[in-house]
Amino acid sequence: MELNLKSKGALEMTFSYEHVINAYDRIRNYVMKTPLEESFYLGDDDSRFFFKLESLQRAKSFKIRGALNKMMTLTEEERNCGVAAISSGNHGSAVSYAASILGINNVVVIVPESTPQSKIDKINYFGSEVMKLGKDFDEAHVLGMKYINEQGLTYIDAYYSDPEIYGGQGTVAIEILEQNKDIDTIVVPIGGGGLITGIAVAAKSINPSIRIVGVQTEACPAMLKSYEDHIFYEEYPNEESLCDALLGGVGKLSFEMAKYYVDDFIAVSERSIAKAVSFMAKEEKYIVEAGSATTVAAIMDYKERIGGRNVALVISGGNIDGNVLTDILSKY
């Protein structure tokens, strides 16, 4: 892809590696430096694979990084107004957990009606109010923003365009490359795009030759289609999917930036994702949510295309509904 370097430079004024470094310094004493564990089964003589286990964070998701970083930059007035998030679950849990750390009491998390109960329970556990609005994430976002504006709450962006959110998510890359300097490829799930953009900008700033691969479910390939169609899909229709955390459109900042930093975009089938969830539980002994298992599914289906000798697979979350997990394990 031919890069417009002028456009790239302008975007780096909005979000850059400096945001990631600042976020790392800000949140490092509050979030877990999650393990980078080598797979027992995926590797061979040519390649080794390592799981970056963000599923082991306190709220079981990488989202705490961006949410906490953003909320630590709020003014006293913004905190006193109360904060709100719109989420399919993981971002909401992270905002709720971050608020409990920072002593922010008025917290509302708006979720789609389809959100698994396990994710709602976790949001409630950390003390936030949960409000169900809309049949899917895109509808919840429209209705949720109307409510937040009417109530005068401080909105904590999940992925759209906030550089403090992207900076927090990018700290995953700093840890990976501190933990294993030989990593030459990082495979990352894509939902709204904040995680992959943050990781890609950080990783390529540390090592410009590193390869970044993004993975989506075929049920909602919003980022992949955005670039294929040259259209910013702020909203995107989805089929029924195991990957509730990956559904909906992409963030504006991610759409603008990811094409300059991500080397390949792959979509994997729902069947492959389910098999990957089962593989991780039965063989590797990790409980991961379906959106996280997209990276494992991509290795199973597109290993040669992804390439690399030392490959990090970002396991972004572990908040899988118990009934969904039981059903998957009974079939695969």
Protein backbone atom coordinates (compact mmCIF):
# COMPACT_ATOMS: atom_id res chain seq x y z
CA MET A 1 0.00 0.00 0.00
CA GLU A 2 1.43 3.40 -0.96
CA LEU A 3 1.55 5.66 2.07
CA ASN A 4 0.69 9.32 2.12
CA LEU A 5 3.45 10.33 4.52
CA LYS A 6 2.07 13.84 4.94
CA SER A 7 -1.22 12.42 6.17
CA LYS A 8 0.60 9.96 8.40
CA GLY A 9 2.61 12.75 9.98
CA ALA A 10 -0.50 14.81 10.67
CA LEU A 11 -2.15 11.83 12.36
CA GLU A 12 0.89 11.28 14.57
CA MET A 13 0.24 14.73 15.98
CA THR A 14 -3.08 13.30 17.19
CA PHE A 15 -1.80 9.95 18.45
CA SER A 16 1.82 8.88 18.72
CA TYR A 17 4.19 6.64 20.64
CA GLU A 18 4.59 9.44 23.17
CA HIS A 19 0.97 8.86 24.26
CA VAL A 20 1.83 5.21 24.88
CA ILE A 21 4.96 5.99 26.90
CA ASN A 22 3.05 8.48 29.04
CA ALA A 23 0.26 5.96 29.57
CA TYR A 24 2.74 3.28 30.59
CA ASP A 25 4.28 5.52 33.23
CA ARG A 26 0.82 6.53 34.47
CA ILE A 27 -0.83 3.10 34.83
CA ARG A 28 2.04 0.68 35.43
CA ASN A 29 1.49 0.54 39.21
CA TYR A 30 -2.23 -0.22 38.81
CA VAL A 31 -2.45 -2.87 36.08
CA MET A 32 -0.93 -6.32 35.85
CA LYS A 33 2.06 -6.88 33.62
CA THR A 34 0.43 -9.95 32.15
CA PRO A 35 2.45 -13.09 31.32
CA LEU A 36 3.77 -13.84 27.85
CA GLU A 37 3.55 -17.63 27.89
CA GLU A 38 4.77 -19.94 25.14
CA SER A 39 2.23 -22.29 23.58
CA PHE A 40 2.74 -25.97 24.25
CA TYR A 41 1.07 -27.05 21.00
CA LEU A 42 1.15 -24.41 18.25
CA GLY A 43 4.90 -24.18 17.70
CA ASP A 44 7.22 -26.24 15.52
CA ASP A 45 10.84 -26.17 14.37
CA ASP A 46 10.21 -23.02 12.32
CA SER A 47 8.03 -20.92 14.62
CA ARG A 48 7.31 -20.30 18.30
CA PHE A 49 4.06 -18.79 19.54
CA PHE A 50 3.50 -16.81 22.74
CA PHE A 51 0.20 -15.87 24.39
CA LYS A 52 0.02 -12.34 25.82
CA LEU A 53 -2.55 -13.13 28.51
CA GLU A 54 -4.57 -9.95 28.97
CA SER A 55 -7.34 -12.34 29.99
CA LEU A 56 -5.61 -12.44 33.40
CA GLN A 57 -6.13 -8.76 34.19
CA ARG A 58 -8.32 -8.12 37.26
CA ALA A 59 -11.33 -7.31 35.08
CA LYS A 60 -10.31 -10.08 32.62
CA SER A 61 -9.57 -7.74 29.73
CA PHE A 62 -6.94 -5.39 28.25
CA LYS A 63 -9.54 -2.62 28.39
CA ILE A 64 -8.44 -1.56 31.89
CA ARG A 65 -5.31 -0.06 30.32
CA GLY A 66 -7.07 2.52 28.19
CA ALA A 67 -9.91 3.21 30.61
CA LEU A 68 -7.63 3.80 33.59
CA ASN A 69 -5.22 5.94 31.58
CA LYS A 70 -8.06 8.16 30.38
CA MET A 71 -9.71 8.43 33.78
CA MET A 72 -6.44 9.37 35.48
CA THR A 73 -6.29 12.43 33.21
CA LEU A 74 -9.79 13.71 34.07
CA THR A 75 -10.20 17.03 35.86
CA GLU A 76 -11.90 17.18 39.24
CA GLU A 77 -14.93 18.73 37.56
CA GLU A 78 -15.15 15.87 35.04
CA ARG A 79 -14.95 13.30 37.83
CA ASN A 80 -17.60 15.08 39.88
CA CYS A 81 -20.01 15.07 36.93
CA GLY A 82 -19.88 11.28 36.94
CA VAL A 83 -18.58 9.09 34.16
CA ALA A 84 -20.29 6.90 31.60
CA ALA A 85 -19.29 4.28 29.07
CA ILE A 86 -20.98 2.44 26.22
CA SER A 87 -19.77 -1.12 25.97
CA SER A 88 -20.45 -4.68 24.88
CA GLY A 89 -19.07 -5.61 28.31
CA ASN A 90 -15.28 -5.46 28.63
CA HIS A 91 -14.85 -1.69 28.37
CA GLY A 92 -17.71 -1.28 30.83
CA SER A 93 -16.04 -3.61 33.33
CA ALA A 94 -12.78 -1.73 32.90
CA VAL A 95 -14.39 1.68 33.46
CA SER A 96 -16.19 0.33 36.51
CA TYR A 97 -12.98 -1.15 37.90
CA ALA A 98 -10.97 2.00 37.15
CA ALA A 99 -13.60 4.11 38.92
CA SER A 100 -13.30 1.89 42.00
CA ILE A 101 -9.53 2.44 42.00
CA LEU A 102 -9.85 6.21 41.60
CA GLY A 103 -12.79 6.71 43.98
CA ILE A 104 -15.27 7.88 41.33
CA ASN A 105 -18.73 6.95 42.59
CA ASN A 106 -21.24 8.01 39.92
CA VAL A 107 -20.66 5.54 37.07
CA VAL A 108 -23.14 4.43 34.40
CA VAL A 109 -22.34 1.71 31.87
CA ILE A 110 -24.68 1.35 28.88
CA VAL A 111 -24.67 -2.08 27.24
CA PRO A 112 -26.61 -3.71 24.38
CA GLU A 113 -29.48 -5.99 25.34
CA SER A 114 -27.46 -8.93 23.96
CA THR A 115 -24.58 -8.50 26.45
CA PRO A 116 -23.76 -11.78 28.27
CA GLN A 117 -24.88 -11.81 31.91
CA SER A 118 -21.35 -12.70 33.01
CA LYS A 119 -20.11 -9.34 31.73
CA ILE A 120 -22.99 -7.45 33.33
CA ASP A 121 -22.26 -9.19 36.65
CA LYS A 122 -18.63 -8.04 36.50
CA ILE A 123 -19.64 -4.43 35.83
CA ASN A 124 -21.99 -4.58 38.81
CA TYR A 125 -19.32 -6.19 40.97
CA PHE A 126 -17.11 -3.11 40.71
CA GLY A 127 -20.01 -0.87 41.73
CA SER A 128 -21.39 0.70 38.55
CA GLU A 129 -24.96 1.05 37.35
CA VAL A 130 -25.77 -0.96 34.21
CA MET A 131 -28.31 0.28 31.68
CA LYS A 132 -29.43 -1.88 28.75
CA LEU A 133 -30.17 0.08 25.58
CA GLY A 134 -30.42 -1.19 21.99
CA LYS A 135 -30.39 -4.58 20.34
CA ASP A 136 -26.71 -4.41 19.34
CA PHE A 137 -23.63 -2.27 19.98
CA ASP A 138 -24.25 0.26 17.22
CA GLU A 139 -27.80 0.92 18.42
CA ALA A 140 -26.66 1.04 22.05
CA HIS A 141 -24.09 3.65 21.05
CA VAL A 142 -26.62 5.95 19.42
CA LEU A 143 -29.08 5.72 22.32
CA GLY A 144 -26.33 5.81 24.91
CA MET A 145 -24.73 9.00 23.61
CA LYS A 146 -28.12 10.72 23.70
CA TYR A 147 -28.58 9.71 27.34
CA ILE A 148 -25.01 10.72 28.34
CA ASN A 149 -25.36 14.16 26.77
CA GLU A 150 -28.75 14.72 28.40
CA GLN A 151 -27.37 13.77 31.84
CA GLY A 152 -24.15 15.77 31.50
CA LEU A 153 -21.93 12.78 32.25
CA THR A 154 -18.25 12.55 31.31
CA TYR A 155 -17.98 10.08 28.45
CA ILE A 156 -15.17 7.51 28.49
CA ASP A 157 -14.60 6.54 24.86
CA ALA A 158 -14.11 2.84 24.15
CA TYR A 159 -12.27 3.09 20.84
CA TYR A 160 -13.47 5.97 18.65
CA SER A 161 -10.82 8.70 18.71
CA ASP A 162 -9.42 9.37 22.18
CA PRO A 163 -5.59 9.24 22.13
CA GLU A 164 -5.50 8.52 25.88
CA ILE A 165 -7.52 5.33 25.30
CA TYR A 166 -5.29 4.30 22.39
CA GLY A 167 -2.21 5.12 24.45
CA GLY A 168 -3.29 2.84 27.27
CA GLN A 169 -4.01 -0.05 24.91
CA GLY A 170 -0.62 0.41 23.26
CA THR A 171 1.16 -0.40 26.51
CA VAL A 172 0.55 -4.07 25.69
CA ALA A 173 3.23 -3.76 22.99
CA ILE A 174 5.78 -2.26 25.37
CA GLU A 175 5.35 -5.22 27.70
CA ILE A 176 5.54 -7.82 24.93
CA LEU A 177 8.82 -6.45 23.61
CA GLU A 178 10.25 -6.10 27.12
CA GLN A 179 9.32 -9.71 27.88
CA ASN A 180 10.74 -11.15 24.65
CA LYS A 181 12.99 -9.00 22.47
CA ASP A 182 12.92 -11.67 19.72
CA ILE A 183 9.21 -11.20 18.94
CA ASP A 184 8.98 -10.40 15.22
CA THR A 185 5.21 -10.65 14.70
CA ILE A 186 2.23 -9.60 16.83
CA VAL A 187 -1.28 -10.87 16.05
CA VAL A 188 -4.10 -8.77 17.49
CA PRO A 189 -7.93 -9.04 17.56
CA ILE A 190 -9.81 -6.13 15.99
CA GLY A 191 -13.11 -4.77 17.25
CA GLY A 192 -13.25 -0.99 17.17
CA GLY A 193 -9.53 -0.87 16.46
CA GLY A 194 -8.11 0.89 19.51
CA LEU A 195 -6.06 -2.10 20.63
CA ILE A 196 -4.44 -2.90 17.30
CA THR A 197 -3.72 0.75 16.52
CA GLY A 198 -2.17 1.37 19.91
CA ILE A 199 -0.08 -1.80 19.70
CA ALA A 200 0.96 -1.20 16.09
CA VAL A 201 2.10 2.40 16.65
CA ALA A 202 4.04 1.42 19.78
CA ALA A 203 5.58 -1.76 18.38
CA LYS A 204 6.74 -0.14 15.14
CA SER A 205 8.20 2.78 17.07
CA ILE A 206 10.28 0.30 19.09
CA ASN A 207 11.07 -2.01 16.16
CA PRO A 208 10.08 -0.72 12.68
CA SER A 209 10.57 -4.17 11.10
CA ILE A 210 8.06 -5.94 13.36
CA ARG A 211 5.02 -7.40 11.58
CA ILE A 212 1.51 -6.57 12.85
CA VAL A 213 -1.48 -8.71 11.82
CA GLY A 214 -5.07 -7.84 12.70
CA VAL A 215 -7.85 -10.43 12.96
CA GLN A 216 -11.62 -10.06 12.77
CA THR A 217 -14.54 -12.45 12.72
CA GLU A 218 -16.15 -13.06 9.33
CA ALA A 219 -19.44 -12.20 11.05
CA CYS A 220 -18.35 -8.55 11.35
CA PRO A 221 -15.25 -7.65 9.28
CA ALA A 222 -15.75 -3.91 9.65
CA MET A 223 -12.11 -2.84 9.50
CA LEU A 224 -11.23 -5.15 6.63
CA LYS A 225 -14.24 -3.98 4.62
CA SER A 226 -13.53 -0.34 5.45
CA TYR A 227 -10.21 -0.61 3.65
CA GLU A 228 -11.50 -2.80 0.84
CA ASP A 229 -14.41 -0.44 0.16
CA HIS A 230 -12.54 2.78 1.04
CA ILE A 231 -15.40 3.68 3.38
CA PHE A 232 -15.25 4.56 7.08
CA TYR A 233 -17.76 2.12 8.61
CA GLU A 234 -18.63 3.84 11.86
CA GLU A 235 -21.46 1.32 12.08
CA TYR A 236 -21.43 -2.12 10.49
CA PRO A 237 -24.10 -4.84 10.29
CA ASN A 238 -23.16 -8.15 11.81
CA GLU A 239 -24.33 -11.72 11.64
CA GLU A 240 -24.88 -13.74 14.80
CA SER A 241 -21.50 -14.19 16.42
CA LEU A 242 -19.69 -15.68 19.40
CA CYS A 243 -17.50 -12.56 19.40
CA ASP A 244 -19.73 -10.01 21.13
CA ALA A 245 -16.66 -7.89 21.96
CA LEU A 246 -15.75 -7.50 18.27
CA LEU A 247 -19.10 -6.45 16.84
CA GLY A 248 -20.00 -3.04 15.44
CA GLY A 249 -18.14 -0.41 13.47
CA VAL A 250 -14.58 0.86 13.77
CA GLY A 251 -13.11 3.91 15.45
CA LYS A 252 -12.35 6.98 13.36
CA LEU A 253 -8.77 7.34 14.58
CA SER A 254 -8.11 3.65 14.01
CA PHE A 255 -9.56 3.77 10.50
CA GLU A 256 -7.32 6.72 9.70
CA MET A 257 -4.13 5.27 11.21
CA ALA A 258 -4.15 1.46 11.11
CA LYS A 259 -3.50 1.26 7.36
CA TYR A 260 -0.09 2.84 7.91
CA TYR A 261 0.99 0.43 10.62
CA VAL A 262 -0.81 -2.91 10.19
CA ASP A 263 0.73 -5.31 7.67
CA ASP A 264 -2.23 -7.62 7.10
CA PHE A 265 -5.91 -7.96 7.98
CA ILE A 266 -7.47 -11.43 8.24
CA ALA A 267 -11.05 -12.58 8.85
CA VAL A 268 -11.64 -16.00 10.44
CA SER A 269 -14.81 -18.08 10.55
CA GLU A 270 -17.05 -18.54 13.57
CA ARG A 271 -16.39 -22.27 13.43
CA SER A 272 -12.63 -21.73 13.57
CA ILE A 273 -13.07 -19.32 16.48
CA ALA A 274 -15.13 -21.87 18.42
CA LYS A 275 -12.49 -24.53 17.80
CA ALA A 276 -9.83 -22.12 19.04
CA VAL A 277 -11.76 -21.42 22.25
CA SER A 278 -12.01 -25.16 22.84
CA PHE A 279 -8.33 -25.69 22.03
CA MET A 280 -7.28 -23.02 24.50
CA ALA A 281 -9.38 -24.56 27.28
CA LYS A 282 -8.76 -28.24 26.64
CA GLU A 283 -5.13 -28.16 25.51
CA GLU A 284 -3.45 -24.94 26.64
CA LYS A 285 -5.62 -24.72 29.82
CA TYR A 286 -6.68 -21.07 29.41
CA ILE A 287 -10.27 -19.79 29.52
CA VAL A 288 -10.56 -17.08 26.86
CA GLU A 289 -13.45 -15.31 25.21
CA ALA A 290 -14.21 -15.87 21.57
CA GLY A 291 -12.97 -12.47 20.40
CA SER A 292 -9.57 -13.25 21.93
CA ALA A 293 -9.46 -16.67 20.30
CA THR A 294 -9.53 -15.07 16.84
CA THR A 295 -5.74 -14.76 17.04
CA VAL A 296 -5.39 -18.48 17.73
CA ALA A 297 -7.88 -19.30 14.96
CA ALA A 298 -5.81 -17.19 12.57
CA ILE A 299 -2.70 -19.25 13.34
CA MET A 300 -4.63 -22.48 12.86
CA ASP A 301 -6.02 -21.36 9.48
CA TYR A 302 -3.41 -18.92 8.10
CA LYS A 303 -0.10 -19.83 9.72
CA GLU A 304 2.01 -19.41 6.57
CA ARG A 305 0.33 -16.14 5.65
CA ILE A 306 1.02 -14.70 9.10
CA GLY A 307 4.63 -15.88 9.11
CA GLY A 308 7.19 -15.02 11.77
CA ARG A 309 9.58 -17.07 13.87
CA ASN A 310 8.60 -15.64 17.27
CA VAL A 311 4.95 -14.67 17.22
CA ALA A 312 2.95 -13.01 20.02
CA LEU A 313 -0.79 -13.69 20.05
CA VAL A 314 -2.71 -11.10 22.04
CA ILE A 315 -5.34 -12.87 24.17
CA SER A 316 -7.36 -9.77 24.85
CA GLY A 317 -9.97 -11.04 27.31
CA GLY A 318 -11.39 -13.93 29.30
CA ASN A 319 -14.99 -12.85 29.87
CA ILE A 320 -16.75 -15.70 28.12
CA ASP A 321 -20.28 -16.58 29.20
CA GLY A 322 -20.33 -19.92 31.04
CA ASN A 323 -23.20 -21.33 28.98
CA VAL A 324 -21.46 -20.35 25.73
CA LEU A 325 -18.25 -22.00 26.88
CA THR A 326 -20.07 -25.18 27.90
CA ASP A 327 -21.79 -25.35 24.52
CA ILE A 328 -18.51 -24.87 22.63
CA LEU A 329 -16.70 -27.50 24.67
CA SER A 330 -19.48 -30.00 24.01
CA LYS A 331 -19.13 -29.55 20.25
CA TYR A 332 -15.38 -29.21 19.64
